[in-house]
Amino acid sequence: MRYPEQYQYYCWFARNKVKEPELQRLLIVMADHIGADDPILIEDLATVVYDNQNAERKVRDGLETLRTDYGIPIGSNAGKPGRWIVIDNEDLFHTTNELRSRAYRMLETARKLDKTNLRPVLSPEAMRNAGQGRLW
């Protein structure tokens, strides 16, 4: 184990500060994955924590709660699969920069959608006739 002190801290934090049992389990598993060089896949977290590989949405929501409500520095990067607990400032920079970039893209999409003109809905008959140009 590369980071035994951090592992012990996050396990202690999970047991003593995190109220929800599922989030406690999630953080204890994450404590085994400290540093960007030791990520764990979302699917694997779903299997280990929820005993269900299809619980990816629960894992993502749980990781978000650990980040926002408990201040746990969960790392992620679009170019690297999985999640991990951030151990250094460089990794923290990459993670926060990635989040800002995603947020910017989402805001740009929302702005463009705000400018969208909705088209009228065609009747079923008009839909059938759409694209049937005259032959002569």
N, C-alpha and C. Protein backbone atom coordinates (compact mmCIF):
# COMPACT_ATOMS: atom_id res chain seq x y z
N MET A 1 0.85 -1.18 0.00
CA MET A 1 0.00 0.00 0.00
C MET A 1 0.90 1.24 0.00
N ARG A 2 0.65 2.12 -1.01
CA ARG A 2 1.52 3.29 -1.18
C ARG A 2 1.22 4.42 -0.19
N TYR A 3 -0.03 4.53 0.23
CA TYR A 3 -0.42 5.67 1.08
C TYR A 3 -1.17 5.18 2.33
N PRO A 4 -0.47 4.51 3.24
CA PRO A 4 -1.16 3.94 4.40
C PRO A 4 -1.79 4.98 5.32
N GLU A 5 -1.17 6.14 5.48
CA GLU A 5 -1.75 7.17 6.35
C GLU A 5 -3.04 7.72 5.77
N GLN A 6 -3.05 7.95 4.46
CA GLN A 6 -4.26 8.45 3.81
C GLN A 6 -5.36 7.39 3.85
N TYR A 7 -4.98 6.14 3.64
CA TYR A 7 -5.95 5.04 3.71
C TYR A 7 -6.61 5.02 5.09
N GLN A 8 -5.80 5.08 6.14
CA GLN A 8 -6.33 5.06 7.50
C GLN A 8 -7.24 6.27 7.75
N TYR A 9 -6.82 7.44 7.26
CA TYR A 9 -7.63 8.64 7.46
C TYR A 9 -9.00 8.49 6.79
N TYR A 10 -9.03 8.09 5.54
CA TYR A 10 -10.32 8.01 4.83
C TYR A 10 -11.22 6.91 5.40
N CYS A 11 -10.64 5.83 5.87
CA CYS A 11 -11.45 4.80 6.55
C CYS A 11 -12.02 5.35 7.85
N TRP A 12 -11.20 6.05 8.62
CA TRP A 12 -11.68 6.68 9.85
C TRP A 12 -12.79 7.68 9.52
N PHE A 13 -12.56 8.51 8.51
CA PHE A 13 -13.54 9.52 8.11
C PHE A 13 -14.86 8.85 7.72
N ALA A 14 -14.79 7.77 6.97
CA ALA A 14 -16.00 7.06 6.55
C ALA A 14 -16.79 6.58 7.76
N ARG A 15 -16.10 5.99 8.73
CA ARG A 15 -16.79 5.43 9.90
C ARG A 15 -17.30 6.50 10.86
N ASN A 16 -16.62 7.63 10.94
CA ASN A 16 -16.93 8.63 11.97
C ASN A 16 -17.63 9.89 11.48
N LYS A 17 -17.54 10.18 10.21
CA LYS A 17 -18.10 11.42 9.69
C LYS A 17 -19.22 11.22 8.67
N VAL A 18 -19.15 10.15 7.91
CA VAL A 18 -20.16 9.89 6.88
C VAL A 18 -21.34 9.18 7.53
N LYS A 19 -22.52 9.74 7.33
CA LYS A 19 -23.71 9.21 8.01
C LYS A 19 -24.35 8.02 7.28
N GLU A 20 -24.35 8.07 5.95
CA GLU A 20 -25.05 7.06 5.16
C GLU A 20 -24.20 5.80 5.00
N PRO A 21 -24.74 4.62 5.37
CA PRO A 21 -23.97 3.37 5.28
C PRO A 21 -23.43 3.08 3.87
N GLU A 22 -24.22 3.34 2.83
CA GLU A 22 -23.74 3.08 1.47
C GLU A 22 -22.56 3.98 1.13
N LEU A 23 -22.62 5.23 1.57
CA LEU A 23 -21.51 6.14 1.31
C LEU A 23 -20.28 5.77 2.14
N GLN A 24 -20.50 5.24 3.34
CA GLN A 24 -19.38 4.76 4.14
C GLN A 24 -18.65 3.65 3.39
N ARG A 25 -19.43 2.67 2.87
CA ARG A 25 -18.82 1.57 2.12
C ARG A 25 -18.10 2.09 0.88
N LEU A 26 -18.72 3.04 0.19
CA LEU A 26 -18.12 3.59 -1.02
C LEU A 26 -16.78 4.26 -0.70
N LEU A 27 -16.74 5.04 0.35
CA LEU A 27 -15.50 5.72 0.71
C LEU A 27 -14.43 4.74 1.17
N ILE A 28 -14.80 3.72 1.89
CA ILE A 28 -13.81 2.72 2.33
C ILE A 28 -13.20 2.00 1.13
N VAL A 29 -14.02 1.70 0.13
CA VAL A 29 -13.48 1.09 -1.09
C VAL A 29 -12.58 2.09 -1.81
N MET A 30 -13.02 3.35 -1.90
CA MET A 30 -12.21 4.37 -2.56
C MET A 30 -10.88 4.58 -1.84
N ALA A 31 -10.83 4.38 -0.53
CA ALA A 31 -9.59 4.54 0.24
C ALA A 31 -8.49 3.59 -0.25
N ASP A 32 -8.87 2.54 -0.93
CA ASP A 32 -7.91 1.61 -1.51
C ASP A 32 -7.39 2.11 -2.87
N HIS A 33 -7.91 3.22 -3.33
CA HIS A 33 -7.56 3.74 -4.66
C HIS A 33 -7.17 5.21 -4.54
N ILE A 34 -5.99 5.41 -3.99
CA ILE A 34 -5.48 6.76 -3.78
C ILE A 34 -4.42 7.05 -4.83
N GLY A 35 -4.61 8.14 -5.55
CA GLY A 35 -3.69 8.52 -6.62
C GLY A 35 -4.22 8.12 -7.98
N ALA A 36 -3.93 8.96 -8.97
CA ALA A 36 -4.41 8.74 -10.33
C ALA A 36 -3.86 7.47 -10.95
N ASP A 37 -2.76 6.96 -10.41
CA ASP A 37 -2.19 5.73 -10.95
C ASP A 37 -2.86 4.48 -10.40
N ASP A 38 -3.90 4.63 -9.57
CA ASP A 38 -4.61 3.48 -9.00
C ASP A 38 -6.12 3.69 -9.03
N PRO A 39 -6.69 3.89 -10.21
CA PRO A 39 -8.14 4.14 -10.29
C PRO A 39 -8.95 2.86 -10.14
N ILE A 40 -10.22 3.02 -9.83
CA ILE A 40 -11.16 1.90 -9.84
C ILE A 40 -12.30 2.29 -10.77
N LEU A 41 -12.72 1.35 -11.59
CA LEU A 41 -13.78 1.60 -12.55
C LEU A 41 -15.12 1.74 -11.84
N ILE A 42 -16.00 2.55 -12.42
CA ILE A 42 -17.35 2.74 -11.87
C ILE A 42 -18.07 1.40 -11.77
N GLU A 43 -17.94 0.57 -12.80
CA GLU A 43 -18.61 -0.74 -12.79
C GLU A 43 -18.13 -1.61 -11.63
N ASP A 44 -16.82 -1.54 -11.36
CA ASP A 44 -16.27 -2.33 -10.24
C ASP A 44 -16.77 -1.79 -8.90
N LEU A 45 -16.87 -0.47 -8.78
CA LEU A 45 -17.44 0.11 -7.56
C LEU A 45 -18.88 -0.35 -7.37
N ALA A 46 -19.64 -0.36 -8.46
CA ALA A 46 -21.04 -0.79 -8.37
C ALA A 46 -21.13 -2.23 -7.89
N THR A 47 -20.25 -3.08 -8.39
CA THR A 47 -20.26 -4.49 -7.99
C THR A 47 -19.84 -4.66 -6.53
N VAL A 48 -18.78 -3.97 -6.12
CA VAL A 48 -18.26 -4.12 -4.76
C VAL A 48 -19.18 -3.48 -3.72
N VAL A 49 -19.65 -2.27 -4.00
CA VAL A 49 -20.42 -1.53 -3.00
C VAL A 49 -21.89 -1.95 -2.98
N TYR A 50 -22.47 -2.14 -4.16
CA TYR A 50 -23.92 -2.40 -4.25
C TYR A 50 -24.24 -3.83 -4.67
N ASP A 51 -23.20 -4.64 -4.93
CA ASP A 51 -23.38 -6.01 -5.39
C ASP A 51 -24.24 -6.05 -6.65
N ASN A 52 -24.06 -5.03 -7.49
CA ASN A 52 -24.88 -4.91 -8.68
C ASN A 52 -24.14 -4.06 -9.70
N GLN A 53 -23.71 -4.67 -10.79
CA GLN A 53 -22.94 -3.94 -11.79
C GLN A 53 -23.79 -2.86 -12.46
N ASN A 54 -25.12 -2.98 -12.37
CA ASN A 54 -26.01 -2.01 -13.00
C ASN A 54 -26.29 -0.79 -12.11
N ALA A 55 -25.59 -0.66 -11.01
CA ALA A 55 -25.82 0.44 -10.07
C ALA A 55 -24.86 1.60 -10.33
N GLU A 56 -24.45 1.78 -11.57
CA GLU A 56 -23.49 2.83 -11.89
C GLU A 56 -24.02 4.21 -11.54
N ARG A 57 -25.30 4.47 -11.75
CA ARG A 57 -25.88 5.78 -11.43
C ARG A 57 -25.77 6.04 -9.93
N LYS A 58 -26.03 5.01 -9.10
CA LYS A 58 -25.90 5.16 -7.65
C LYS A 58 -24.46 5.49 -7.26
N VAL A 59 -23.51 4.84 -7.92
CA VAL A 59 -22.10 5.10 -7.63
C VAL A 59 -21.75 6.54 -8.00
N ARG A 60 -22.15 6.98 -9.19
CA ARG A 60 -21.86 8.35 -9.61
C ARG A 60 -22.48 9.37 -8.65
N ASP A 61 -23.72 9.12 -8.26
CA ASP A 61 -24.38 10.02 -7.31
C ASP A 61 -23.67 10.00 -5.95
N GLY A 62 -23.27 8.82 -5.51
CA GLY A 62 -22.56 8.70 -4.24
C GLY A 62 -21.22 9.41 -4.26
N LEU A 63 -20.48 9.27 -5.35
CA LEU A 63 -19.19 9.95 -5.47
C LEU A 63 -19.39 11.46 -5.47
N GLU A 64 -20.45 11.91 -6.14
CA GLU A 64 -20.74 13.35 -6.15
C GLU A 64 -21.06 13.85 -4.75
N THR A 65 -21.81 13.07 -3.98
CA THR A 65 -22.13 13.45 -2.60
C THR A 65 -20.87 13.49 -1.74
N LEU A 66 -19.99 12.50 -1.92
CA LEU A 66 -18.73 12.51 -1.17
C LEU A 66 -17.91 13.75 -1.52
N ARG A 67 -17.92 14.14 -2.78
CA ARG A 67 -17.19 15.34 -3.20
C ARG A 67 -17.81 16.61 -2.59
N THR A 68 -19.11 16.76 -2.78
CA THR A 68 -19.75 18.04 -2.45
C THR A 68 -20.13 18.18 -0.98
N ASP A 69 -20.69 17.14 -0.39
CA ASP A 69 -21.15 17.23 1.00
C ASP A 69 -20.05 16.95 2.02
N TYR A 70 -19.09 16.11 1.66
CA TYR A 70 -18.06 15.70 2.61
C TYR A 70 -16.66 16.20 2.26
N GLY A 71 -16.50 16.83 1.09
CA GLY A 71 -15.21 17.40 0.72
C GLY A 71 -14.14 16.38 0.37
N ILE A 72 -14.53 15.19 -0.03
CA ILE A 72 -13.56 14.16 -0.40
C ILE A 72 -13.09 14.45 -1.83
N PRO A 73 -11.78 14.56 -2.05
CA PRO A 73 -11.27 14.90 -3.38
C PRO A 73 -11.23 13.68 -4.31
N ILE A 74 -12.38 13.37 -4.91
CA ILE A 74 -12.47 12.25 -5.83
C ILE A 74 -11.99 12.73 -7.20
N GLY A 75 -11.00 12.06 -7.75
CA GLY A 75 -10.44 12.45 -9.03
C GLY A 75 -11.08 11.72 -10.19
N SER A 76 -11.11 12.41 -11.32
CA SER A 76 -11.58 11.82 -12.57
C SER A 76 -10.97 12.62 -13.71
N ASN A 77 -10.91 11.99 -14.87
CA ASN A 77 -10.34 12.64 -16.03
C ASN A 77 -10.91 11.96 -17.26
N ALA A 78 -11.33 12.76 -18.24
CA ALA A 78 -11.95 12.21 -19.44
C ALA A 78 -11.02 11.25 -20.17
N GLY A 79 -9.73 11.46 -20.08
CA GLY A 79 -8.78 10.61 -20.78
C GLY A 79 -8.38 9.36 -20.01
N LYS A 80 -8.94 9.19 -18.82
CA LYS A 80 -8.53 8.06 -17.98
C LYS A 80 -9.77 7.45 -17.33
N PRO A 81 -9.98 6.16 -17.53
CA PRO A 81 -11.17 5.55 -16.93
C PRO A 81 -11.03 5.40 -15.41
N GLY A 82 -12.16 5.44 -14.72
CA GLY A 82 -12.18 5.18 -13.29
C GLY A 82 -12.15 6.43 -12.44
N ARG A 83 -12.15 6.20 -11.13
CA ARG A 83 -12.12 7.27 -10.13
C ARG A 83 -11.08 6.89 -9.08
N TRP A 84 -10.58 7.91 -8.37
CA TRP A 84 -9.57 7.71 -7.34
C TRP A 84 -9.63 8.88 -6.38
N ILE A 85 -8.97 8.72 -5.25
CA ILE A 85 -8.84 9.83 -4.31
C ILE A 85 -7.57 10.59 -4.69
N VAL A 86 -7.72 11.89 -4.89
CA VAL A 86 -6.62 12.75 -5.31
C VAL A 86 -5.59 12.84 -4.19
N ILE A 87 -4.32 12.77 -4.59
CA ILE A 87 -3.24 12.79 -3.60
C ILE A 87 -2.32 14.01 -3.73
N ASP A 88 -2.33 14.68 -4.91
CA ASP A 88 -1.42 15.82 -5.06
C ASP A 88 -2.09 16.96 -5.81
N ASN A 89 -1.45 18.13 -5.77
CA ASN A 89 -2.02 19.33 -6.37
C ASN A 89 -2.15 19.24 -7.89
N GLU A 90 -1.22 18.59 -8.53
CA GLU A 90 -1.29 18.44 -9.99
C GLU A 90 -2.54 17.66 -10.39
N ASP A 91 -2.80 16.57 -9.70
CA ASP A 91 -3.98 15.76 -10.00
C ASP A 91 -5.26 16.54 -9.67
N LEU A 92 -5.23 17.29 -8.58
CA LEU A 92 -6.38 18.11 -8.21
C LEU A 92 -6.65 19.15 -9.31
N PHE A 93 -5.59 19.76 -9.83
CA PHE A 93 -5.73 20.73 -10.91
C PHE A 93 -6.39 20.09 -12.13
N HIS A 94 -5.92 18.91 -12.53
CA HIS A 94 -6.48 18.23 -13.70
C HIS A 94 -7.96 17.90 -13.49
N THR A 95 -8.30 17.46 -12.29
CA THR A 95 -9.69 17.12 -12.00
C THR A 95 -10.58 18.35 -12.03
N THR A 96 -10.17 19.42 -11.34
CA THR A 96 -11.02 20.61 -11.30
C THR A 96 -11.08 21.29 -12.67
N ASN A 97 -10.00 21.24 -13.43
CA ASN A 97 -10.00 21.81 -14.77
C ASN A 97 -10.98 21.03 -15.67
N GLU A 98 -10.98 19.73 -15.54
CA GLU A 98 -11.91 18.89 -16.30
C GLU A 98 -13.36 19.22 -15.94
N LEU A 99 -13.64 19.39 -14.67
CA LEU A 99 -15.00 19.74 -14.23
C LEU A 99 -15.41 21.10 -14.78
N ARG A 100 -14.51 22.06 -14.73
CA ARG A 100 -14.82 23.39 -15.28
C ARG A 100 -15.09 23.33 -16.78
N SER A 101 -14.30 22.54 -17.48
CA SER A 101 -14.47 22.41 -18.93
C SER A 101 -15.84 21.79 -19.26
N ARG A 102 -16.22 20.75 -18.52
CA ARG A 102 -17.54 20.14 -18.72
C ARG A 102 -18.65 21.14 -18.42
N ALA A 103 -18.49 21.88 -17.34
CA ALA A 103 -19.51 22.87 -16.97
C ALA A 103 -19.65 23.93 -18.05
N TYR A 104 -18.53 24.37 -18.60
CA TYR A 104 -18.56 25.37 -19.67
C TYR A 104 -19.31 24.83 -20.89
N ARG A 105 -19.00 23.59 -21.29
CA ARG A 105 -19.67 22.99 -22.44
C ARG A 105 -21.17 22.86 -22.19
N MET A 106 -21.56 22.51 -20.97
CA MET A 106 -22.98 22.39 -20.64
C MET A 106 -23.67 23.76 -20.71
N LEU A 107 -23.00 24.80 -20.21
CA LEU A 107 -23.56 26.15 -20.28
C LEU A 107 -23.70 26.62 -21.73
N GLU A 108 -22.72 26.33 -22.55
CA GLU A 108 -22.79 26.69 -23.97
C GLU A 108 -23.96 25.97 -24.64
N THR A 109 -24.15 24.71 -24.33
CA THR A 109 -25.28 23.96 -24.89
C THR A 109 -26.59 24.58 -24.45
N ALA A 110 -26.70 24.92 -23.18
CA ALA A 110 -27.93 25.53 -22.66
C ALA A 110 -28.19 26.87 -23.35
N ARG A 111 -27.15 27.67 -23.55
CA ARG A 111 -27.32 28.96 -24.24
C ARG A 111 -27.83 28.77 -25.66
N LYS A 112 -27.28 27.80 -26.34
CA LYS A 112 -27.72 27.53 -27.71
C LYS A 112 -29.17 27.02 -27.73
N LEU A 113 -29.50 26.18 -26.78
CA LEU A 113 -30.88 25.69 -26.71
C LEU A 113 -31.84 26.83 -26.38
N ASP A 114 -31.41 27.77 -25.56
CA ASP A 114 -32.25 28.93 -25.25
C ASP A 114 -32.62 29.71 -26.51
N LYS A 115 -31.75 29.67 -27.51
CA LYS A 115 -31.98 30.42 -28.75
C LYS A 115 -32.73 29.59 -29.81
N THR A 116 -33.02 28.35 -29.49
CA THR A 116 -33.67 27.47 -30.46
C THR A 116 -35.13 27.86 -30.66
N ASN A 117 -35.53 27.89 -31.91
CA ASN A 117 -36.94 28.10 -32.23
C ASN A 117 -37.58 26.73 -32.40
N LEU A 118 -38.60 26.47 -31.62
CA LEU A 118 -39.28 25.19 -31.73
C LEU A 118 -40.12 25.17 -33.00
N ARG A 119 -40.07 24.09 -33.71
CA ARG A 119 -40.85 23.94 -34.93
C ARG A 119 -42.25 23.46 -34.56
N PRO A 120 -43.22 23.81 -35.36
CA PRO A 120 -44.57 23.30 -35.09
C PRO A 120 -44.61 21.79 -35.29
N VAL A 121 -45.45 21.14 -34.53
CA VAL A 121 -45.61 19.69 -34.63
C VAL A 121 -46.49 19.39 -35.83
N LEU A 122 -46.04 18.49 -36.67
CA LEU A 122 -46.83 18.11 -37.84
C LEU A 122 -47.88 17.09 -37.47
N SER A 123 -49.00 17.15 -38.13
CA SER A 123 -50.05 16.16 -37.92
C SER A 123 -49.57 14.83 -38.47
N PRO A 124 -50.18 13.71 -38.04
CA PRO A 124 -49.78 12.40 -38.57
C PRO A 124 -49.88 12.34 -40.09
N GLU A 125 -50.92 12.98 -40.66
CA GLU A 125 -51.07 12.97 -42.12
C GLU A 125 -49.93 13.74 -42.78
N ALA A 126 -49.59 14.88 -42.21
CA ALA A 126 -48.51 15.67 -42.78
C ALA A 126 -47.18 14.92 -42.67
N MET A 127 -47.00 14.17 -41.58
CA MET A 127 -45.78 13.37 -41.42
C MET A 127 -45.69 12.31 -42.51
N ARG A 128 -46.82 11.66 -42.82
CA ARG A 128 -46.83 10.64 -43.87
C ARG A 128 -46.49 11.25 -45.23
N ASN A 129 -47.00 12.45 -45.46
CA ASN A 129 -46.80 13.10 -46.75
C ASN A 129 -45.45 13.81 -46.86
N ALA A 130 -44.81 14.03 -45.74
CA ALA A 130 -43.52 14.73 -45.76
C ALA A 130 -42.51 13.92 -46.55
N GLY A 131 -41.83 14.56 -47.42
CA GLY A 131 -40.82 13.87 -48.19
C GLY A 131 -41.35 13.21 -49.46
N GLN A 132 -42.67 13.22 -49.63
CA GLN A 132 -43.25 12.65 -50.86
C GLN A 132 -43.43 13.75 -51.87
N GLY A 133 -42.36 14.09 -52.52
CA GLY A 133 -42.43 15.14 -53.54
C GLY A 133 -43.25 14.69 -54.74
N ARG A 134 -43.64 15.65 -55.52
CA ARG A 134 -44.42 15.32 -56.73
C ARG A 134 -43.50 14.68 -57.76
N LEU A 135 -44.00 13.68 -58.39
CA LEU A 135 -43.24 13.00 -59.42
C LEU A 135 -43.40 13.69 -60.76
N TRP A 136 -44.48 14.39 -61.02
CA TRP A 136 -44.70 15.13 -62.28
C TRP A 136 -45.45 16.38 -62.06
